[in-house]
Amino acid sequence: MKNNKPNIIFWVIDQFRLDRLKNYPLFDKLQREGIFFSEMTTYAPYTLASLHAMLSGMYGIENGVDAYYSALRFDKEHCCTLTKYLKENGYYTYADTFNKLFVPPQAFDVLDFYDEYTLGNEGILERHKKILNKLYDRDDNFFLFMHHSYNHAMVVQNVIKVFSDFDERYFGHKEKNAKRYDSYVDETVHYMEEVKKEIERLDQNKNTFLIICTDHGGGIGEKPGEKAYGIYVYDYTLKVWCYMVYPNVLPSGVRVDSLVRNIDIMPTVLDIVGITQKDNCKKIYGQSMSPLITGEKKEDRICFSETSPLTGPQPSPDKPSIKCVRTKEWKLIYNLIDKKKELYNLINDPEEINNLTGQQPEIEQQLWGELKKYL
């Protein structure tokens, strides 16, 4: 018999750029219903490390997954994921993704995956509706990690596999690339609208805690060498978004504009459902965003991100080679391969065109001190 705990759905929409939210009424509706975190940064601009960071509440240097080829290095002996916490608190745990390596395998009753290229957007929609119906029919509470991959599949098929890293047919054609990408997003939003309706139909008691977010953004030809994501650490891939909707428990119509990290999602969920972090697990590095939701605090957090390029001009799939720290105003990037730094004023130069290295020594030194903590 279900108790007063909520069902929890952690819903990840792959590769959905932050700047596209404004084009769809769905996202206005989500904010009216709950909380919108508008200034969130991902730990890694690619799926594997980003999802491991979100579900563990810690960076790859702590959980072991810090590169494209590091999925099997997850420290399952010492890290307690969100799934494990919920499983130990009576939840039936289920995951559906398009690659079983993308999530820590810890504590899932079911870890299922699908072929994103053969299933298509409508196929994923019908699959997720069936899973939702099955889980809502259960007598116990469930945790569902639900991953939608249509944007990713289309970009891989029509961009990554078609163009080379510095292809003149792609770079320099941002408007054409944007139109192509937006056609995928249109289909993705259709899927989201239909799944949201199904959740509302099934959740008669309004006892579902819904977390909706993206794992990373995606390029449309802004920087030569990066066709989509994972190669660099510029904001078009690092800036992400998150909504939390939990009727009668969380406030509605709240927009949090403080700078936060996607590693903060997991401890926030634990905080909201009243689960205490365990002493015998690695400490969660992320921090609950509850004080930002209530307005108790309005602090911006320093964000760390890194990538291990699978392709591009400097491939490094076994270990991270490009790292950065970000505040709301500034970003410092350091490339371990060529030892080069990049410094950007994100307020005056949001497209990160003018490298100010050497021109703002005090700011650069301060950010370098922060970055050294992670190096």
Protein backbone atom coordinates (compact mmCIF):
# COMPACT_ATOMS: atom_id res chain seq x y z
CA MET A 1 0.00 0.00 0.00
CA LYS A 2 1.39 3.43 -0.94
CA ASN A 3 2.21 5.81 1.90
CA ASN A 4 2.38 9.59 1.80
CA LYS A 5 5.75 9.59 0.04
CA PRO A 6 5.71 10.87 -3.54
CA ASN A 7 6.38 8.95 -6.68
CA ILE A 8 9.52 10.48 -8.19
CA ILE A 9 10.18 10.92 -11.92
CA PHE A 10 13.63 12.13 -12.94
CA TRP A 11 13.05 13.03 -16.58
CA VAL A 12 16.09 13.90 -18.72
CA ILE A 13 15.65 15.43 -22.16
CA ASP A 14 18.92 14.91 -24.01
CA GLN A 15 20.78 17.81 -25.63
CA PHE A 16 18.11 20.52 -25.25
CA ARG A 17 19.59 24.01 -25.43
CA LEU A 18 18.58 26.52 -22.75
CA ASP A 19 17.92 29.27 -25.29
CA ARG A 20 15.13 27.19 -26.92
CA LEU A 21 12.84 27.12 -23.87
CA LYS A 22 11.36 30.52 -24.69
CA ASN A 23 9.93 29.19 -27.96
CA TYR A 24 7.46 26.77 -26.35
CA PRO A 25 4.47 27.43 -24.02
CA LEU A 26 5.11 24.09 -22.30
CA PHE A 27 7.99 25.58 -20.33
CA ASP A 28 5.96 28.59 -19.18
CA LYS A 29 3.40 26.07 -17.91
CA LEU A 30 6.07 24.11 -16.04
CA GLN A 31 7.28 27.25 -14.29
CA ARG A 32 3.72 28.22 -13.33
CA GLU A 33 3.33 24.77 -11.79
CA GLY A 34 6.65 24.66 -9.96
CA ILE A 35 10.23 25.92 -9.88
CA PHE A 36 12.49 26.88 -12.78
CA PHE A 37 16.27 26.91 -12.27
CA SER A 38 17.31 29.26 -15.07
CA GLU A 39 21.05 29.49 -14.35
CA MET A 40 22.36 25.95 -14.09
CA THR A 41 25.67 24.60 -15.38
CA THR A 42 26.41 20.98 -16.23
CA TYR A 43 29.52 19.24 -14.92
CA ALA A 44 30.24 17.70 -18.33
CA PRO A 45 28.99 18.70 -21.81
CA TYR A 46 28.25 15.07 -22.74
CA THR A 47 25.76 12.55 -21.43
CA LEU A 48 27.79 9.89 -19.62
CA ALA A 49 29.64 12.06 -17.11
CA SER A 50 26.75 14.50 -16.77
CA LEU A 51 24.24 11.83 -15.74
CA HIS A 52 26.66 10.19 -13.31
CA ALA A 53 27.26 13.60 -11.74
CA MET A 54 23.53 14.30 -11.45
CA LEU A 55 22.67 10.96 -9.89
CA SER A 56 25.62 10.96 -7.47
CA GLY A 57 25.67 14.66 -6.59
CA MET A 58 29.40 14.86 -7.19
CA TYR A 59 31.97 15.58 -9.88
CA GLY A 60 33.75 12.89 -11.87
CA ILE A 61 36.96 13.30 -9.90
CA GLU A 62 34.99 11.98 -6.92
CA ASN A 63 32.69 9.36 -8.47
CA GLY A 64 35.23 8.06 -11.01
CA VAL A 65 33.32 8.90 -14.20
CA ASP A 66 35.18 11.87 -15.67
CA ALA A 67 35.77 10.80 -19.29
CA TYR A 68 34.06 9.17 -22.26
CA TYR A 69 35.79 5.85 -21.60
CA SER A 70 35.33 5.84 -17.82
CA ALA A 71 31.83 4.37 -17.35
CA LEU A 72 33.19 1.26 -15.65
CA ARG A 73 35.25 3.33 -13.20
CA PHE A 74 32.23 4.45 -11.19
CA ASP A 75 33.09 4.08 -7.50
CA LYS A 76 30.10 1.94 -6.55
CA GLU A 77 31.77 0.79 -3.32
CA HIS A 78 31.85 4.27 -1.80
CA CYS A 79 29.32 6.43 -3.70
CA CYS A 80 25.64 6.31 -2.83
CA THR A 81 23.48 7.45 -5.72
CA LEU A 82 20.02 8.97 -5.58
CA THR A 83 18.73 5.57 -6.69
CA LYS A 84 20.38 3.82 -3.77
CA TYR A 85 19.01 6.28 -1.25
CA LEU A 86 15.50 5.87 -2.62
CA LYS A 87 15.76 2.09 -2.89
CA GLU A 88 16.77 1.90 0.77
CA ASN A 89 13.75 4.05 1.62
CA GLY A 90 11.22 1.70 0.07
CA TYR A 91 11.10 2.82 -3.55
CA TYR A 92 10.79 0.52 -6.55
CA THR A 93 13.49 1.84 -8.92
CA TYR A 94 13.29 1.81 -12.70
CA ALA A 95 15.46 3.36 -15.43
CA ASP A 96 14.88 3.66 -19.16
CA THR A 97 17.67 5.14 -21.26
CA PHE A 98 19.30 4.54 -24.63
CA ASN A 99 22.59 3.20 -23.29
CA LYS A 100 22.76 1.23 -20.05
CA LEU A 101 26.26 2.60 -19.37
CA PHE A 102 24.89 6.14 -19.07
CA VAL A 103 23.60 5.71 -15.51
CA PRO A 104 25.23 4.19 -12.43
CA PRO A 105 23.80 0.62 -12.31
CA GLN A 106 23.52 0.83 -8.55
CA ALA A 107 20.23 -0.16 -6.89
CA PHE A 108 17.92 -0.25 -9.93
CA ASP A 109 15.26 -2.95 -9.85
CA VAL A 110 15.02 -2.53 -13.62
CA LEU A 111 17.66 -0.90 -15.84
CA ASP A 112 16.29 -0.99 -19.36
CA PHE A 113 17.41 0.63 -22.59
CA TYR A 114 16.24 1.12 -26.16
CA ASP A 115 17.69 1.64 -29.64
CA GLU A 116 17.23 5.35 -30.25
CA TYR A 117 17.84 5.05 -34.00
CA THR A 118 15.16 2.45 -34.74
CA LEU A 119 12.55 3.54 -32.20
CA GLY A 120 12.21 7.20 -33.24
CA ASN A 121 10.38 9.94 -31.37
CA GLU A 122 6.91 8.37 -31.56
CA GLY A 123 8.32 5.02 -30.52
CA ILE A 124 9.94 6.53 -27.43
CA LEU A 125 6.66 8.29 -26.63
CA GLU A 126 4.64 5.08 -26.71
CA ARG A 127 7.34 3.22 -24.77
CA HIS A 128 7.38 5.80 -21.98
CA LYS A 129 3.59 5.93 -21.76
CA LYS A 130 3.54 2.16 -21.24
CA ILE A 131 6.22 2.35 -18.55
CA LEU A 132 4.32 5.10 -16.73
CA ASN A 133 1.08 3.13 -16.80
CA LYS A 134 2.85 0.07 -15.44
CA LEU A 135 4.49 1.97 -12.60
CA TYR A 136 1.39 3.91 -11.54
CA ASP A 137 -0.45 0.59 -11.29
CA ARG A 138 1.95 -0.59 -8.59
CA ASP A 139 1.01 -0.61 -4.91
CA ASP A 140 4.39 0.77 -3.82
CA ASN A 141 6.14 4.06 -4.52
CA PHE A 142 8.39 4.22 -7.54
CA PHE A 143 11.42 6.16 -8.74
CA LEU A 144 11.62 6.41 -12.53
CA PHE A 145 14.67 7.69 -14.37
CA MET A 146 13.30 8.42 -17.86
CA HIS A 147 15.66 9.51 -20.64
CA HIS A 148 14.55 10.89 -24.02
CA SER A 149 17.15 10.83 -26.80
CA TYR A 150 15.55 12.05 -30.04
CA ASN A 151 17.62 15.27 -30.23
CA HIS A 152 20.78 13.23 -29.75
CA ALA A 153 19.89 10.61 -32.34
CA MET A 154 19.07 13.19 -35.00
CA VAL A 155 22.21 15.24 -34.37
CA VAL A 156 24.39 12.12 -34.54
CA GLN A 157 22.77 10.95 -37.78
CA ASN A 158 22.52 14.29 -39.58
CA VAL A 159 25.44 16.30 -38.23
CA ILE A 160 28.14 14.30 -36.45
CA LYS A 161 28.22 11.50 -39.05
CA VAL A 162 27.85 13.85 -42.02
CA PHE A 163 30.32 16.68 -41.43
CA SER A 164 33.99 16.72 -40.48
CA ASP A 165 35.37 18.67 -37.52
CA PHE A 166 36.15 21.82 -39.54
CA ASP A 167 33.73 21.28 -42.41
CA GLU A 168 33.00 24.51 -44.30
CA ARG A 169 29.60 23.10 -45.28
CA TYR A 170 28.65 23.26 -41.57
CA PHE A 171 30.66 25.98 -39.84
CA GLY A 172 29.66 29.43 -41.00
CA HIS A 173 26.07 28.31 -41.60
CA LYS A 174 24.66 28.89 -38.14
CA GLU A 175 21.17 29.88 -39.33
CA LYS A 176 20.80 26.74 -41.42
CA ASN A 177 22.18 24.59 -38.59
CA ALA A 178 19.77 26.20 -36.13
CA LYS A 179 16.80 25.48 -38.36
CA ARG A 180 17.85 21.83 -38.57
CA TYR A 181 18.29 21.54 -34.81
CA ASP A 182 14.99 23.28 -34.09
CA SER A 183 13.12 20.77 -36.23
CA TYR A 184 14.29 18.07 -33.81
CA VAL A 185 13.36 20.17 -30.80
CA ASP A 186 9.83 20.61 -32.19
CA GLU A 187 9.38 16.84 -32.19
CA THR A 188 10.90 16.53 -28.73
CA VAL A 189 8.49 19.11 -27.29
CA HIS A 190 5.58 17.20 -28.82
CA TYR A 191 6.81 14.08 -26.99
CA MET A 192 7.14 16.07 -23.74
CA GLU A 193 3.64 17.51 -24.00
CA GLU A 194 2.10 14.08 -24.53
CA VAL A 195 4.06 12.45 -21.70
CA LYS A 196 3.18 15.32 -19.36
CA LYS A 197 -0.53 14.80 -20.16
CA GLU A 198 -0.16 11.10 -19.41
CA ILE A 199 1.46 11.81 -16.05
CA GLU A 200 -1.36 14.23 -15.17
CA ARG A 201 -3.96 11.62 -16.15
CA LEU A 202 -2.32 8.90 -14.08
CA ASP A 203 -1.43 11.04 -11.05
CA GLN A 204 -4.95 11.49 -9.71
CA ASN A 205 -3.69 12.21 -6.18
CA LYS A 206 -1.16 14.79 -7.37
CA ASN A 207 1.55 12.96 -5.49
CA THR A 208 4.32 12.94 -8.08
CA PHE A 209 7.60 14.80 -7.62
CA LEU A 210 8.71 15.63 -11.16
CA ILE A 211 12.26 16.69 -11.99
CA ILE A 212 12.72 17.68 -15.64
CA CYS A 213 16.12 18.71 -16.97
CA THR A 214 18.63 18.37 -19.77
CA ASP A 215 22.07 16.80 -19.48
CA HIS A 216 23.90 19.28 -21.74
CA GLY A 217 23.33 21.73 -24.56
CA GLY A 218 24.59 21.52 -28.10
CA GLY A 219 26.45 23.59 -30.63
CA ILE A 220 25.09 24.68 -33.99
CA GLY A 221 28.40 25.71 -35.48
CA GLU A 222 29.47 28.48 -33.09
CA LYS A 223 33.05 27.24 -32.69
CA PRO A 224 34.97 25.41 -35.45
CA GLY A 225 36.03 21.99 -34.24
CA GLU A 226 32.83 21.31 -32.30
CA LYS A 227 29.90 20.14 -34.40
CA ALA A 228 27.63 19.52 -31.42
CA TYR A 229 28.91 18.85 -27.89
CA GLY A 230 31.66 17.34 -25.74
CA ILE A 231 34.66 18.93 -27.46
CA TYR A 232 34.88 22.30 -25.68
CA VAL A 233 33.44 23.91 -22.53
CA TYR A 234 31.65 26.95 -23.95
CA ASP A 235 28.27 28.02 -22.64
CA TYR A 236 26.18 26.73 -25.53
CA THR A 237 26.89 23.23 -24.19
CA LEU A 238 27.42 23.98 -20.48
CA LYS A 239 24.29 26.03 -19.75
CA VAL A 240 21.42 23.71 -18.86
CA TRP A 241 18.01 23.99 -17.18
CA CYS A 242 15.88 22.23 -14.61
CA TYR A 243 12.23 22.31 -13.46
CA MET A 244 10.86 20.80 -10.27
CA VAL A 245 7.11 20.27 -9.84
CA TYR A 246 5.64 18.75 -6.69
CA PRO A 247 2.04 19.94 -6.11
CA ASN A 248 1.03 20.95 -2.57
CA VAL A 249 4.62 20.64 -1.33
CA LEU A 250 6.84 22.87 -3.47
CA PRO A 251 5.86 26.45 -4.29
CA SER A 252 4.65 27.27 -7.79
CA GLY A 253 5.61 30.08 -10.13
CA VAL A 254 9.15 30.35 -8.75
CA ARG A 255 12.15 31.24 -10.90
CA VAL A 256 15.57 30.77 -9.31
CA ASP A 257 18.16 32.90 -11.10
CA SER A 258 21.08 32.08 -8.81
CA LEU A 259 23.93 30.21 -10.48
CA VAL A 260 23.83 26.51 -9.54
CA ARG A 261 25.28 23.19 -10.74
CA ASN A 262 23.58 20.03 -11.96
CA ILE A 263 25.29 18.17 -9.10
CA ASP A 264 22.96 20.19 -6.83
CA ILE A 265 19.86 18.39 -8.13
CA MET A 266 20.42 15.13 -6.24
CA PRO A 267 20.89 16.63 -2.74
CA THR A 268 17.90 18.89 -3.38
CA VAL A 269 15.69 15.88 -4.09
CA LEU A 270 16.91 14.15 -0.91
CA ASP A 271 16.26 17.32 1.06
CA ILE A 272 12.73 17.74 -0.26
CA VAL A 273 11.69 14.13 0.42
CA GLY A 274 13.37 14.15 3.84
CA ILE A 275 16.21 11.66 3.35
CA THR A 276 19.44 12.29 5.27
CA GLN A 277 22.83 11.72 3.68
CA LYS A 278 24.62 8.62 4.99
CA ASP A 279 27.89 8.85 6.89
CA ASN A 280 29.30 5.67 5.35
CA CYS A 281 29.12 7.04 1.78
CA LYS A 282 31.34 9.55 0.04
CA LYS A 283 30.22 13.05 0.89
CA ILE A 284 27.90 14.57 -1.69
CA TYR A 285 29.67 17.62 -3.12
CA GLY A 286 26.48 19.21 -4.44
CA GLN A 287 24.36 21.36 -2.16
CA SER A 288 20.62 21.46 -1.71
CA MET A 289 18.96 24.30 -3.60
CA SER A 290 16.10 24.52 -1.07
CA PRO A 291 17.38 27.80 0.46
CA LEU A 292 17.30 29.32 -3.03
CA ILE A 293 13.76 28.07 -3.60
CA THR A 294 12.44 29.64 -0.40
CA GLY A 295 14.40 32.85 -0.90
CA GLU A 296 16.37 32.29 2.31
CA LYS A 297 19.55 32.69 0.24
CA LYS A 298 20.31 34.18 -3.18
CA GLU A 299 23.93 33.14 -3.54
CA ASP A 300 25.65 32.21 -6.79
CA ARG A 301 27.73 29.05 -6.63
CA ILE A 302 31.07 28.58 -8.36
CA CYS A 303 30.70 25.98 -11.11
CA PHE A 304 33.35 23.52 -12.27
CA SER A 305 33.11 21.72 -15.60
CA GLU A 306 35.43 19.57 -17.67
CA THR A 307 35.42 17.47 -20.81
CA SER A 308 37.41 14.68 -22.42
CA PRO A 309 36.92 15.17 -26.17
CA LEU A 310 36.04 12.01 -28.06
CA THR A 311 36.94 13.67 -31.37
CA GLY A 312 37.76 17.21 -32.44
CA PRO A 313 41.15 18.91 -32.70
CA GLN A 314 42.53 17.39 -29.45
CA PRO A 315 40.91 14.02 -28.67
CA SER A 316 41.35 12.81 -25.09
CA PRO A 317 38.62 10.21 -24.44
CA ASP A 318 40.42 8.49 -21.54
CA LYS A 319 40.86 11.49 -19.27
CA PRO A 320 39.57 15.07 -19.02
CA SER A 321 41.81 17.57 -20.76
CA ILE A 322 39.81 20.82 -20.81
CA LYS A 323 38.61 22.26 -17.52
CA CYS A 324 36.91 25.47 -16.47
CA VAL A 325 35.48 27.38 -13.54
CA ARG A 326 32.52 29.68 -14.00
CA THR A 327 30.87 32.42 -12.01
CA LYS A 328 27.87 34.38 -13.24
CA GLU A 329 30.16 36.98 -14.77
CA TRP A 330 33.43 35.22 -15.58
CA LYS A 331 34.76 31.94 -16.95
CA LEU A 332 38.34 30.65 -16.96
CA ILE A 333 39.18 27.72 -19.25
CA TYR A 334 42.42 25.72 -19.06
CA ASN A 335 43.57 23.21 -21.67
CA LEU A 336 45.90 20.61 -20.14
CA ILE A 337 47.23 19.55 -23.55
CA ASP A 338 48.52 22.86 -24.89
CA LYS A 339 48.55 24.68 -21.49
CA LYS A 340 46.48 27.54 -22.88
CA LYS A 341 44.04 29.64 -20.87
CA GLU A 342 40.92 31.48 -21.94
CA LEU A 343 39.15 34.14 -19.86
CA TYR A 344 35.73 35.50 -20.79
CA ASN A 345 33.41 38.13 -19.38
CA LEU A 346 30.10 36.33 -19.79
CA ILE A 347 28.00 39.45 -19.22
CA ASN A 348 29.63 41.56 -21.94
CA ASP A 349 30.65 38.67 -24.18
CA PRO A 350 28.11 35.83 -23.83
CA GLU A 351 29.29 34.16 -27.05
CA GLU A 352 32.83 33.89 -25.61
CA ILE A 353 34.61 35.53 -28.52
CA ASN A 354 37.09 37.89 -26.80
CA ASN A 355 39.73 36.05 -24.78
CA LEU A 356 40.82 38.41 -21.98
CA THR A 357 43.71 36.32 -20.66
CA GLY A 358 46.38 38.68 -19.32
CA GLN A 359 44.05 41.68 -19.29
CA GLN A 360 42.29 41.04 -15.97
CA PRO A 361 45.09 39.66 -13.73
CA GLU A 362 43.22 39.85 -10.41
CA ILE A 363 40.15 38.03 -11.71
CA GLU A 364 42.28 35.51 -13.58
CA GLN A 365 44.34 34.77 -10.47
CA GLN A 366 41.23 34.34 -8.34
CA LEU A 367 39.62 31.93 -10.81
CA TRP A 368 42.89 30.08 -11.29
CA GLY A 369 42.98 29.50 -7.54
CA GLU A 370 39.51 27.97 -7.74
CA LEU A 371 40.42 25.83 -10.71
CA LYS A 372 43.57 24.51 -9.03
CA LYS A 373 41.34 22.91 -6.38
CA TYR A 374 40.11 20.55 -9.07
CA LEU A 375 43.37 20.09 -10.97
